[in-house]
Amino acid sequence: MTLKLDDKKQIVAEVSQAASAALSAVLADYRGLTVGQMTKLRAQAREQGVFIRVVRNTLARRAMQGTDFECLHDDLVGPTIIALSLNDPGAAARLFKAFAKDNQRLEVKALAVGGRKYGAKDIDVLATLPTRDQALSMLLGLMQAPVTNFARTLNEIPTKFVRALAQVKDQKAA
């Protein structure tokens, strides 16, 4: 299908805007996936806050110029689907990793975070990053631990005293 210049500019602007706001990007080869599978992938992406798009490689290269994902320039070869994590850095990686379990035809090419390019084998590292809520709860747990331990220590003093009185009472009763 041929695109008019205005359509191409619109696609480049849309992808560029998403790329400039994204936290991470994942590129994958989608050859062999059916339309139903792609529709399912897009629906899952919407649920997880991931911008996903199939774009011509030349347009994708233009859209990513001046963003943190310019390092993916060399990997934009062949049929490529671009996933950009907008809210959570690991969302796109988790999406593609989970989808690839059921659909072996989806092959991750490369990923980028913070202007650094990583290979397809590094998807596990990015996919296992905690979500924002998980990270906040872990931080809260770490901040709360010293206070909790201090409260337990303070509570232990009267508990030991009560135990000692109970032992004295038992000894006198015997």
N, C-alpha and C. Protein backbone atom coordinates (compact mmCIF):
# COMPACT_ATOMS: atom_id res chain seq x y z
N MET A 1 0.84 -1.17 0.00
CA MET A 1 0.00 0.00 0.00
C MET A 1 0.90 1.24 0.00
N THR A 2 0.62 2.13 -0.89
CA THR A 2 1.42 3.34 -0.96
C THR A 2 0.84 4.39 -0.03
N LEU A 3 1.73 5.09 0.63
CA LEU A 3 1.34 6.14 1.55
C LEU A 3 1.66 7.50 0.94
N LYS A 4 0.79 8.43 1.16
CA LYS A 4 1.05 9.78 0.70
C LYS A 4 1.98 10.46 1.69
N LEU A 5 2.61 11.52 1.26
CA LEU A 5 3.57 12.23 2.08
C LEU A 5 2.96 12.71 3.40
N ASP A 6 1.74 13.19 3.35
CA ASP A 6 1.07 13.65 4.57
C ASP A 6 0.86 12.50 5.55
N ASP A 7 0.50 11.32 5.02
CA ASP A 7 0.31 10.15 5.87
C ASP A 7 1.63 9.73 6.52
N LYS A 8 2.70 9.78 5.74
CA LYS A 8 4.02 9.43 6.27
C LYS A 8 4.43 10.39 7.37
N LYS A 9 4.20 11.68 7.16
CA LYS A 9 4.54 12.67 8.17
C LYS A 9 3.75 12.45 9.46
N GLN A 10 2.49 12.08 9.30
CA GLN A 10 1.64 11.82 10.46
C GLN A 10 2.15 10.61 11.24
N ILE A 11 2.52 9.56 10.53
CA ILE A 11 3.04 8.35 11.19
C ILE A 11 4.34 8.66 11.92
N VAL A 12 5.24 9.38 11.26
CA VAL A 12 6.52 9.74 11.88
C VAL A 12 6.28 10.59 13.13
N ALA A 13 5.37 11.54 13.04
CA ALA A 13 5.09 12.41 14.19
C ALA A 13 4.50 11.61 15.35
N GLU A 14 3.60 10.69 15.04
CA GLU A 14 2.97 9.87 16.08
C GLU A 14 3.99 8.98 16.79
N VAL A 15 4.81 8.28 16.02
CA VAL A 15 5.82 7.39 16.60
C VAL A 15 6.89 8.20 17.33
N SER A 16 7.27 9.32 16.78
CA SER A 16 8.27 10.17 17.42
C SER A 16 7.78 10.70 18.76
N GLN A 17 6.53 11.10 18.81
CA GLN A 17 5.95 11.60 20.06
C GLN A 17 5.92 10.48 21.11
N ALA A 18 5.52 9.29 20.71
CA ALA A 18 5.49 8.16 21.65
C ALA A 18 6.90 7.78 22.09
N ALA A 19 7.86 7.82 21.16
CA ALA A 19 9.24 7.46 21.49
C ALA A 19 9.88 8.46 22.43
N SER A 20 9.54 9.74 22.28
CA SER A 20 10.14 10.74 23.16
C SER A 20 9.59 10.64 24.58
N ALA A 21 8.39 10.09 24.74
CA ALA A 21 7.79 9.94 26.07
C ALA A 21 8.04 8.56 26.66
N ALA A 22 8.56 7.63 25.87
CA ALA A 22 8.71 6.24 26.30
C ALA A 22 9.92 6.05 27.22
N LEU A 23 9.83 5.02 28.05
CA LEU A 23 10.91 4.67 28.96
C LEU A 23 11.80 3.57 28.38
N SER A 24 11.23 2.71 27.55
CA SER A 24 12.00 1.65 26.91
C SER A 24 11.34 1.26 25.59
N ALA A 25 12.12 0.60 24.73
CA ALA A 25 11.61 0.16 23.44
C ALA A 25 12.07 -1.27 23.18
N VAL A 26 11.21 -2.03 22.53
CA VAL A 26 11.54 -3.40 22.15
C VAL A 26 11.15 -3.57 20.69
N LEU A 27 12.07 -4.13 19.90
CA LEU A 27 11.80 -4.43 18.50
C LEU A 27 11.69 -5.94 18.34
N ALA A 28 10.73 -6.38 17.53
CA ALA A 28 10.56 -7.82 17.31
C ALA A 28 10.19 -8.08 15.85
N ASP A 29 10.52 -9.27 15.41
CA ASP A 29 10.16 -9.75 14.08
C ASP A 29 8.84 -10.49 14.23
N TYR A 30 7.83 -10.07 13.50
CA TYR A 30 6.50 -10.65 13.65
C TYR A 30 6.12 -11.57 12.49
N ARG A 31 7.08 -11.94 11.66
CA ARG A 31 6.80 -12.79 10.51
C ARG A 31 6.12 -14.08 10.93
N GLY A 32 5.06 -14.45 10.26
CA GLY A 32 4.37 -15.70 10.53
C GLY A 32 3.22 -15.60 11.50
N LEU A 33 3.02 -14.46 12.12
CA LEU A 33 1.88 -14.30 13.03
C LEU A 33 0.62 -14.03 12.23
N THR A 34 -0.47 -14.59 12.67
CA THR A 34 -1.74 -14.37 11.98
C THR A 34 -2.34 -13.04 12.41
N VAL A 35 -3.36 -12.61 11.70
CA VAL A 35 -4.03 -11.37 12.02
C VAL A 35 -4.67 -11.47 13.41
N GLY A 36 -5.23 -12.62 13.73
CA GLY A 36 -5.84 -12.82 15.04
C GLY A 36 -4.82 -12.71 16.17
N GLN A 37 -3.64 -13.26 15.95
CA GLN A 37 -2.59 -13.17 16.96
C GLN A 37 -2.12 -11.73 17.14
N MET A 38 -1.97 -11.01 16.04
CA MET A 38 -1.56 -9.61 16.11
C MET A 38 -2.62 -8.77 16.83
N THR A 39 -3.89 -9.06 16.57
CA THR A 39 -4.97 -8.35 17.24
C THR A 39 -4.93 -8.61 18.73
N LYS A 40 -4.68 -9.85 19.10
CA LYS A 40 -4.57 -10.21 20.52
C LYS A 40 -3.38 -9.49 21.16
N LEU A 41 -2.25 -9.42 20.46
CA LEU A 41 -1.07 -8.73 20.96
C LEU A 41 -1.36 -7.24 21.16
N ARG A 42 -2.04 -6.65 20.22
CA ARG A 42 -2.37 -5.22 20.34
C ARG A 42 -3.32 -4.95 21.51
N ALA A 43 -4.27 -5.85 21.71
CA ALA A 43 -5.21 -5.69 22.83
C ALA A 43 -4.47 -5.79 24.17
N GLN A 44 -3.56 -6.74 24.28
CA GLN A 44 -2.77 -6.87 25.50
C GLN A 44 -1.89 -5.64 25.71
N ALA A 45 -1.36 -5.09 24.63
CA ALA A 45 -0.51 -3.90 24.72
C ALA A 45 -1.32 -2.71 25.25
N ARG A 46 -2.53 -2.53 24.76
CA ARG A 46 -3.37 -1.44 25.23
C ARG A 46 -3.64 -1.57 26.73
N GLU A 47 -3.91 -2.80 27.19
CA GLU A 47 -4.19 -3.02 28.60
C GLU A 47 -3.00 -2.66 29.49
N GLN A 48 -1.78 -2.90 28.98
CA GLN A 48 -0.58 -2.70 29.78
C GLN A 48 0.07 -1.34 29.56
N GLY A 49 -0.53 -0.47 28.77
CA GLY A 49 0.02 0.86 28.55
C GLY A 49 1.25 0.85 27.66
N VAL A 50 1.24 -0.01 26.66
CA VAL A 50 2.37 -0.12 25.73
C VAL A 50 1.91 0.37 24.36
N PHE A 51 2.69 1.30 23.79
CA PHE A 51 2.43 1.77 22.42
C PHE A 51 3.05 0.74 21.48
N ILE A 52 2.24 0.15 20.62
CA ILE A 52 2.74 -0.88 19.71
C ILE A 52 2.34 -0.50 18.29
N ARG A 53 3.28 -0.64 17.38
CA ARG A 53 3.00 -0.20 16.01
C ARG A 53 3.90 -0.93 15.02
N VAL A 54 3.34 -1.29 13.89
CA VAL A 54 4.12 -1.79 12.76
C VAL A 54 4.32 -0.61 11.83
N VAL A 55 5.58 -0.24 11.63
CA VAL A 55 5.90 0.93 10.83
C VAL A 55 6.99 0.55 9.84
N ARG A 56 6.96 1.16 8.68
CA ARG A 56 8.05 0.94 7.73
C ARG A 56 9.36 1.35 8.39
N ASN A 57 10.39 0.61 8.09
CA ASN A 57 11.68 0.84 8.74
C ASN A 57 12.24 2.24 8.50
N THR A 58 12.08 2.75 7.29
CA THR A 58 12.59 4.10 7.01
C THR A 58 11.85 5.14 7.83
N LEU A 59 10.54 4.96 7.99
CA LEU A 59 9.76 5.90 8.79
C LEU A 59 10.11 5.76 10.26
N ALA A 60 10.35 4.54 10.70
CA ALA A 60 10.73 4.31 12.10
C ALA A 60 12.08 4.94 12.41
N ARG A 61 13.01 4.83 11.48
CA ARG A 61 14.33 5.46 11.68
C ARG A 61 14.18 6.97 11.83
N ARG A 62 13.35 7.56 10.98
CA ARG A 62 13.12 9.01 11.05
C ARG A 62 12.46 9.39 12.36
N ALA A 63 11.49 8.59 12.77
CA ALA A 63 10.74 8.89 14.00
C ALA A 63 11.62 8.80 15.24
N MET A 64 12.60 7.92 15.21
CA MET A 64 13.45 7.71 16.39
C MET A 64 14.67 8.61 16.43
N GLN A 65 14.87 9.41 15.40
CA GLN A 65 16.00 10.34 15.42
C GLN A 65 15.77 11.37 16.52
N GLY A 66 16.81 11.60 17.30
CA GLY A 66 16.73 12.57 18.37
C GLY A 66 16.09 12.06 19.64
N THR A 67 15.79 10.76 19.71
CA THR A 67 15.24 10.17 20.93
C THR A 67 16.27 9.22 21.53
N ASP A 68 15.95 8.66 22.67
CA ASP A 68 16.84 7.71 23.33
C ASP A 68 16.96 6.40 22.54
N PHE A 69 16.10 6.19 21.59
CA PHE A 69 16.05 4.92 20.88
C PHE A 69 16.68 4.99 19.49
N GLU A 70 17.45 6.03 19.26
CA GLU A 70 18.17 6.16 17.99
C GLU A 70 19.19 5.04 17.84
N CYS A 71 19.62 4.46 18.95
CA CYS A 71 20.60 3.37 18.91
C CYS A 71 20.05 2.11 18.25
N LEU A 72 18.74 2.01 18.08
CA LEU A 72 18.12 0.84 17.44
C LEU A 72 18.10 0.94 15.92
N HIS A 73 18.71 1.96 15.37
CA HIS A 73 18.71 2.25 13.94
C HIS A 73 19.11 1.03 13.11
N ASP A 74 20.17 0.33 13.50
CA ASP A 74 20.67 -0.80 12.72
C ASP A 74 19.78 -2.03 12.79
N ASP A 75 18.92 -2.12 13.78
CA ASP A 75 18.06 -3.29 13.94
C ASP A 75 16.72 -3.15 13.22
N LEU A 76 16.49 -2.02 12.62
CA LEU A 76 15.25 -1.81 11.87
C LEU A 76 15.42 -2.36 10.45
N VAL A 77 15.41 -3.69 10.39
CA VAL A 77 15.56 -4.42 9.13
C VAL A 77 14.50 -5.50 9.09
N GLY A 78 13.84 -5.66 7.97
CA GLY A 78 12.82 -6.68 7.83
C GLY A 78 11.54 -6.27 8.53
N PRO A 79 10.58 -7.19 8.57
CA PRO A 79 9.31 -6.87 9.23
C PRO A 79 9.53 -6.66 10.72
N THR A 80 9.23 -5.47 11.19
CA THR A 80 9.52 -5.12 12.58
C THR A 80 8.29 -4.51 13.24
N ILE A 81 8.03 -4.96 14.44
CA ILE A 81 6.99 -4.36 15.27
C ILE A 81 7.69 -3.64 16.41
N ILE A 82 7.27 -2.42 16.68
CA ILE A 82 7.90 -1.59 17.70
C ILE A 82 6.96 -1.50 18.89
N ALA A 83 7.50 -1.77 20.08
CA ALA A 83 6.73 -1.62 21.31
C ALA A 83 7.45 -0.63 22.21
N LEU A 84 6.74 0.40 22.64
CA LEU A 84 7.31 1.44 23.49
C LEU A 84 6.58 1.45 24.82
N SER A 85 7.33 1.28 25.90
CA SER A 85 6.74 1.30 27.25
C SER A 85 6.58 2.74 27.70
N LEU A 86 5.36 3.14 27.92
CA LEU A 86 5.09 4.53 28.26
C LEU A 86 5.09 4.79 29.77
N ASN A 87 4.65 3.82 30.57
CA ASN A 87 4.52 4.04 32.01
C ASN A 87 5.53 3.26 32.83
N ASP A 88 5.85 2.06 32.38
CA ASP A 88 6.69 1.14 33.14
C ASP A 88 7.80 0.64 32.22
N PRO A 89 9.08 0.75 32.59
CA PRO A 89 10.16 0.37 31.69
C PRO A 89 10.12 -1.09 31.23
N GLY A 90 9.58 -1.96 32.03
CA GLY A 90 9.58 -3.38 31.68
C GLY A 90 8.31 -3.87 31.01
N ALA A 91 7.34 -3.00 30.80
CA ALA A 91 6.04 -3.44 30.29
C ALA A 91 6.13 -4.06 28.89
N ALA A 92 6.83 -3.43 27.98
CA ALA A 92 6.94 -3.96 26.61
C ALA A 92 7.70 -5.28 26.60
N ALA A 93 8.75 -5.38 27.39
CA ALA A 93 9.52 -6.62 27.45
C ALA A 93 8.68 -7.75 28.03
N ARG A 94 7.92 -7.46 29.09
CA ARG A 94 7.04 -8.49 29.67
C ARG A 94 5.98 -8.92 28.67
N LEU A 95 5.44 -7.94 27.94
CA LEU A 95 4.41 -8.24 26.94
C LEU A 95 4.95 -9.19 25.88
N PHE A 96 6.09 -8.85 25.29
CA PHE A 96 6.66 -9.68 24.22
C PHE A 96 7.12 -11.03 24.75
N LYS A 97 7.68 -11.07 25.95
CA LYS A 97 8.15 -12.33 26.51
C LYS A 97 6.97 -13.27 26.76
N ALA A 98 5.91 -12.75 27.34
CA ALA A 98 4.72 -13.58 27.60
C ALA A 98 4.06 -14.02 26.30
N PHE A 99 4.00 -13.12 25.33
CA PHE A 99 3.36 -13.46 24.06
C PHE A 99 4.18 -14.48 23.29
N ALA A 100 5.51 -14.39 23.39
CA ALA A 100 6.38 -15.31 22.65
C ALA A 100 6.32 -16.73 23.22
N LYS A 101 5.90 -16.89 24.47
CA LYS A 101 5.75 -18.23 25.04
C LYS A 101 4.71 -19.04 24.27
N ASP A 102 3.60 -18.37 23.91
CA ASP A 102 2.53 -19.04 23.18
C ASP A 102 2.71 -18.98 21.67
N ASN A 103 3.47 -18.01 21.20
CA ASN A 103 3.66 -17.79 19.76
C ASN A 103 5.15 -17.71 19.46
N GLN A 104 5.74 -18.83 19.09
CA GLN A 104 7.18 -18.89 18.88
C GLN A 104 7.64 -18.07 17.68
N ARG A 105 6.73 -17.66 16.85
CA ARG A 105 7.12 -16.90 15.64
C ARG A 105 7.52 -15.46 15.96
N LEU A 106 7.12 -14.96 17.10
CA LEU A 106 7.51 -13.61 17.51
C LEU A 106 8.92 -13.69 18.09
N GLU A 107 9.87 -13.07 17.39
CA GLU A 107 11.27 -13.11 17.82
C GLU A 107 11.74 -11.70 18.14
N VAL A 108 12.19 -11.51 19.36
CA VAL A 108 12.70 -10.21 19.78
C VAL A 108 14.04 -9.97 19.10
N LYS A 109 14.19 -8.78 18.51
CA LYS A 109 15.45 -8.41 17.83
C LYS A 109 16.38 -7.67 18.77
N ALA A 110 15.87 -6.62 19.40
CA ALA A 110 16.70 -5.77 20.25
C ALA A 110 15.79 -4.97 21.16
N LEU A 111 16.42 -4.39 22.18
CA LEU A 111 15.69 -3.51 23.08
C LEU A 111 16.60 -2.39 23.53
N ALA A 112 16.00 -1.31 23.97
CA ALA A 112 16.79 -0.15 24.41
C ALA A 112 16.13 0.49 25.62
N VAL A 113 17.00 0.91 26.54
CA VAL A 113 16.56 1.62 27.74
C VAL A 113 17.56 2.72 28.01
N GLY A 114 17.08 3.93 28.16
CA GLY A 114 17.96 5.04 28.50
C GLY A 114 19.06 5.31 27.49
N GLY A 115 18.79 5.08 26.23
CA GLY A 115 19.78 5.36 25.20
C GLY A 115 20.80 4.25 24.99
N ARG A 116 20.67 3.14 25.72
CA ARG A 116 21.59 2.01 25.56
C ARG A 116 20.86 0.85 24.91
N LYS A 117 21.50 0.26 23.94
CA LYS A 117 20.93 -0.86 23.19
C LYS A 117 21.36 -2.17 23.83
N TYR A 118 20.43 -3.11 23.89
CA TYR A 118 20.70 -4.44 24.43
C TYR A 118 20.23 -5.47 23.42
N GLY A 119 20.80 -6.65 23.49
CA GLY A 119 20.43 -7.72 22.59
C GLY A 119 19.15 -8.42 23.02
N ALA A 120 18.68 -9.30 22.18
CA ALA A 120 17.44 -10.01 22.45
C ALA A 120 17.55 -10.90 23.69
N LYS A 121 18.75 -11.38 23.97
CA LYS A 121 18.92 -12.27 25.14
C LYS A 121 18.75 -11.52 26.46
N ASP A 122 18.84 -10.19 26.44
CA ASP A 122 18.70 -9.39 27.65
C ASP A 122 17.26 -9.03 27.98
N ILE A 123 16.32 -9.60 27.25
CA ILE A 123 14.91 -9.27 27.50
C ILE A 123 14.47 -9.73 28.89
N ASP A 124 15.07 -10.83 29.38
CA ASP A 124 14.70 -11.31 30.70
C ASP A 124 15.03 -10.29 31.78
N VAL A 125 16.14 -9.61 31.63
CA VAL A 125 16.55 -8.60 32.62
C VAL A 125 15.52 -7.48 32.68
N LEU A 126 15.11 -7.01 31.53
CA LEU A 126 14.14 -5.92 31.48
C LEU A 126 12.75 -6.40 31.89
N ALA A 127 12.39 -7.61 31.51
CA ALA A 127 11.06 -8.13 31.82
C ALA A 127 10.88 -8.41 33.31
N THR A 128 11.97 -8.66 34.02
CA THR A 128 11.85 -8.97 35.45
C THR A 128 11.95 -7.72 36.33
N LEU A 129 12.09 -6.55 35.73
CA LEU A 129 12.08 -5.33 36.53
C LEU A 129 10.72 -5.19 37.21
N PRO A 130 10.70 -4.75 38.46
CA PRO A 130 9.41 -4.59 39.13
C PRO A 130 8.63 -3.42 38.53
N THR A 131 7.33 -3.53 38.64
CA THR A 131 6.48 -2.42 38.19
C THR A 131 6.62 -1.28 39.19
N ARG A 132 6.05 -0.16 38.88
CA ARG A 132 6.15 1.00 39.77
C ARG A 132 5.55 0.70 41.14
N ASP A 133 4.39 0.06 41.14
CA ASP A 133 3.74 -0.27 42.41
C ASP A 133 4.56 -1.25 43.22
N GLN A 134 5.13 -2.26 42.55
CA GLN A 134 5.97 -3.23 43.24
C GLN A 134 7.21 -2.55 43.82
N ALA A 135 7.83 -1.67 43.05
CA ALA A 135 9.03 -0.98 43.53
C ALA A 135 8.71 -0.08 44.72
N LEU A 136 7.57 0.60 44.68
CA LEU A 136 7.18 1.45 45.80
C LEU A 136 6.90 0.62 47.06
N SER A 137 6.26 -0.53 46.89
CA SER A 137 5.99 -1.37 48.05
C SER A 137 7.28 -1.96 48.62
N MET A 138 8.24 -2.29 47.76
CA MET A 138 9.54 -2.77 48.25
C MET A 138 10.26 -1.66 49.01
N LEU A 139 10.21 -0.46 48.49
CA LEU A 139 10.85 0.68 49.17
C LEU A 139 10.18 0.96 50.51
N LEU A 140 8.87 0.90 50.53
CA LEU A 140 8.14 1.13 51.78
C LEU A 140 8.49 0.06 52.80
N GLY A 141 8.62 -1.19 52.36
CA GLY A 141 9.00 -2.27 53.26
C GLY A 141 10.38 -2.04 53.85
N LEU A 142 11.31 -1.58 53.00
CA LEU A 142 12.65 -1.29 53.50
C LEU A 142 12.67 -0.12 54.48
N MET A 143 11.86 0.87 54.22
CA MET A 143 11.81 2.02 55.11
C MET A 143 11.11 1.67 56.43
N GLN A 144 10.18 0.76 56.37
CA GLN A 144 9.39 0.41 57.53
C GLN A 144 10.10 -0.60 58.43
N ALA A 145 11.04 -1.36 57.92
CA ALA A 145 11.70 -2.42 58.68
C ALA A 145 12.39 -1.93 59.95
N PRO A 146 13.19 -0.86 59.92
CA PRO A 146 13.83 -0.43 61.18
C PRO A 146 12.83 -0.02 62.25
N VAL A 147 11.76 0.66 61.87
CA VAL A 147 10.75 1.08 62.83
C VAL A 147 10.05 -0.14 63.42
N THR A 148 9.75 -1.12 62.60
CA THR A 148 9.09 -2.33 63.07
C THR A 148 9.99 -3.09 64.04
N ASN A 149 11.25 -3.23 63.68
CA ASN A 149 12.19 -3.92 64.58
C ASN A 149 12.34 -3.17 65.91
N PHE A 150 12.37 -1.84 65.88
CA PHE A 150 12.47 -1.06 67.11
C PHE A 150 11.24 -1.27 67.99
N ALA A 151 10.06 -1.29 67.37
CA ALA A 151 8.82 -1.50 68.13
C ALA A 151 8.82 -2.90 68.75
N ARG A 152 9.29 -3.89 68.02
CA ARG A 152 9.37 -5.25 68.59
C ARG A 152 10.33 -5.29 69.78
N THR A 153 11.45 -4.60 69.66
CA THR A 153 12.43 -4.57 70.75
C THR A 153 11.83 -3.90 71.98
N LEU A 154 11.14 -2.79 71.80
CA LEU A 154 10.49 -2.12 72.93
C LEU A 154 9.41 -2.99 73.56
N ASN A 155 8.71 -3.73 72.76
CA ASN A 155 7.65 -4.61 73.25
C ASN A 155 8.23 -5.81 74.00
N GLU A 156 9.43 -6.18 73.67
CA GLU A 156 10.06 -7.35 74.29
C GLU A 156 10.40 -7.11 75.76
N ILE A 157 10.67 -5.88 76.17
CA ILE A 157 11.04 -5.57 77.56
C ILE A 157 9.91 -5.93 78.53
N PRO A 158 8.69 -5.42 78.35
CA PRO A 158 7.63 -5.82 79.29
C PRO A 158 7.27 -7.30 79.17
N THR A 159 7.43 -7.86 77.98
CA THR A 159 7.13 -9.28 77.80
C THR A 159 8.09 -10.13 78.63
N LYS A 160 9.37 -9.80 78.63
CA LYS A 160 10.35 -10.53 79.45
C LYS A 160 10.03 -10.38 80.94
N PHE A 161 9.61 -9.19 81.35
CA PHE A 161 9.27 -8.95 82.75
C PHE A 161 8.08 -9.82 83.16
N VAL A 162 7.08 -9.89 82.31
CA VAL A 162 5.89 -10.70 82.60
C VAL A 162 6.28 -12.17 82.67
N ARG A 163 7.13 -12.63 81.77
CA ARG A 163 7.58 -14.03 81.81
C ARG A 163 8.34 -14.33 83.11
N ALA A 164 9.18 -13.40 83.52
CA ALA A 164 9.94 -13.59 84.77
C ALA A 164 8.99 -13.67 85.96
N LEU A 165 7.98 -12.80 86.00
CA LEU A 165 6.99 -12.86 87.10
C LEU A 165 6.24 -14.17 87.07
N ALA A 166 5.91 -14.66 85.89
CA ALA A 166 5.18 -15.94 85.78
C ALA A 166 6.06 -17.09 86.29
N GLN A 167 7.35 -17.08 86.02
CA GLN A 167 8.25 -18.10 86.52
C GLN A 167 8.35 -18.05 88.03
N VAL A 168 8.47 -16.85 88.58
CA VAL A 168 8.53 -16.71 90.04
C VAL A 168 7.26 -17.24 90.67
N LYS A 169 6.11 -16.93 90.07
CA LYS A 169 4.82 -17.41 90.58
C LYS A 169 4.76 -18.93 90.53
N ASP A 170 5.21 -19.52 89.43
CA ASP A 170 5.22 -20.97 89.30
C ASP A 170 6.12 -21.63 90.33
N GLN A 171 7.29 -21.02 90.58
CA GLN A 171 8.23 -21.56 91.56
C GLN A 171 7.64 -21.49 92.96
N LYS A 172 7.00 -20.41 93.32
CA LYS A 172 6.40 -20.27 94.65
C LYS A 172 5.22 -21.19 94.81
N ALA A 173 4.49 -21.43 93.71
CA ALA A 173 3.34 -22.34 93.78
C ALA A 173 3.82 -23.78 93.95
N ALA A 174 5.00 -24.09 93.41
CA ALA A 174 5.51 -25.45 93.53
C ALA A 174 6.16 -25.58 94.85
